[in-house]
């Protein structure tokens, strides 16, 4: 396993990428569009890395909020600190390297480059978790293992640990678990890390990355679920960060309804404006049209804005999980958005179940 790991690293990384501690530079296309660049972080994470990163970004007024990591790891506590800084600054994280674009002009403190596959292993895997949006796209590798003092790796046989050493390791383990939970990641990741020693890697596959929330998109919609409520049922889908929610329900007095709540809205003004923006007095909701007179805008408890659609019938084709999505040429394009395109997973069964089981109005 040790030989495999070393060979894998030699194949995927350039000869200079890990000659020193991690350094940062701008990368991205030569045309420098605002949303397509990144900050590339290559090298070992050391005690100085969190401070180096902070100094780097604070030298500039504008910079891309994406950090691409290419690292074999380093110090666990420094990686935790780097991840916390990434979260506080609102950075997204990716795994991968980049390579200069031939004959392209460099700029500032970076160079025109294109993304390449890469890996983030050992302590780097924990720094990666600091991203508010985390992706493992393409042929990249993400792996963990048990952490050990360097002296134990070099000479694991001799008795060399004191009570203070064990105390320090236990406190670091507790801090690591606490950090993983604070980042919104399933702490089972720590258990998977224990499956590999310091000279091995427990590679995380795509299914595990999704299940453990290692990869994360705050704007992505969760699958529809059904909850009991007031003697009936409601169907709910919401974004990962919980700021936008769609609820389908049926009340005994009013019939089937769809309620959209958006806590990112500062007030109800946008919903009020879009309520008036209809096609022949109707709005598209879940693949059907709702008359404008059956649409209410209100301010929910907790802030934001909400809009309620009262549907004419419980029996819907449910061809779309979206609200305000254009499916008619007569619906104004200025009123459409993909922001409220809910999950299609379990959509029809959940909504149909909610519409068949009306809640009590009391």
Foldseek 3Di string as FASTA:
>chain_A
DLVVVVVVQPVFDDPCQAPDAWDWFKEEALVCDQATIEIEITYEQEQCVLVRVVVVVVVDPDDHQEYEYAYAYYDQVSLLSLLQVSLVVQHAYEYFDWDADPPGDQDDRHGYIDTDEHEQEASSLSSNLSHPAYDYDDPYWYWAADDDPPVCVVPVPDPDDDPVNVVVVVVSVVVSLVSCVVSVFASCNVVLRHVHHPSDISIQDPVNCVVRVSGFDQLAKDAWDWDDDQQFIKIKIAGNVRQWIWIWAQAPVQAIKIKIFGQVAQDQVVVVVLLVQFQVQWWDALNDTAGSVQKDKDADPPGGIMMMTRDPDLDDPSPFHFTQADPDPRRDPVSHDCSRRHDPHCPVVRNSRRNVTHHYPD
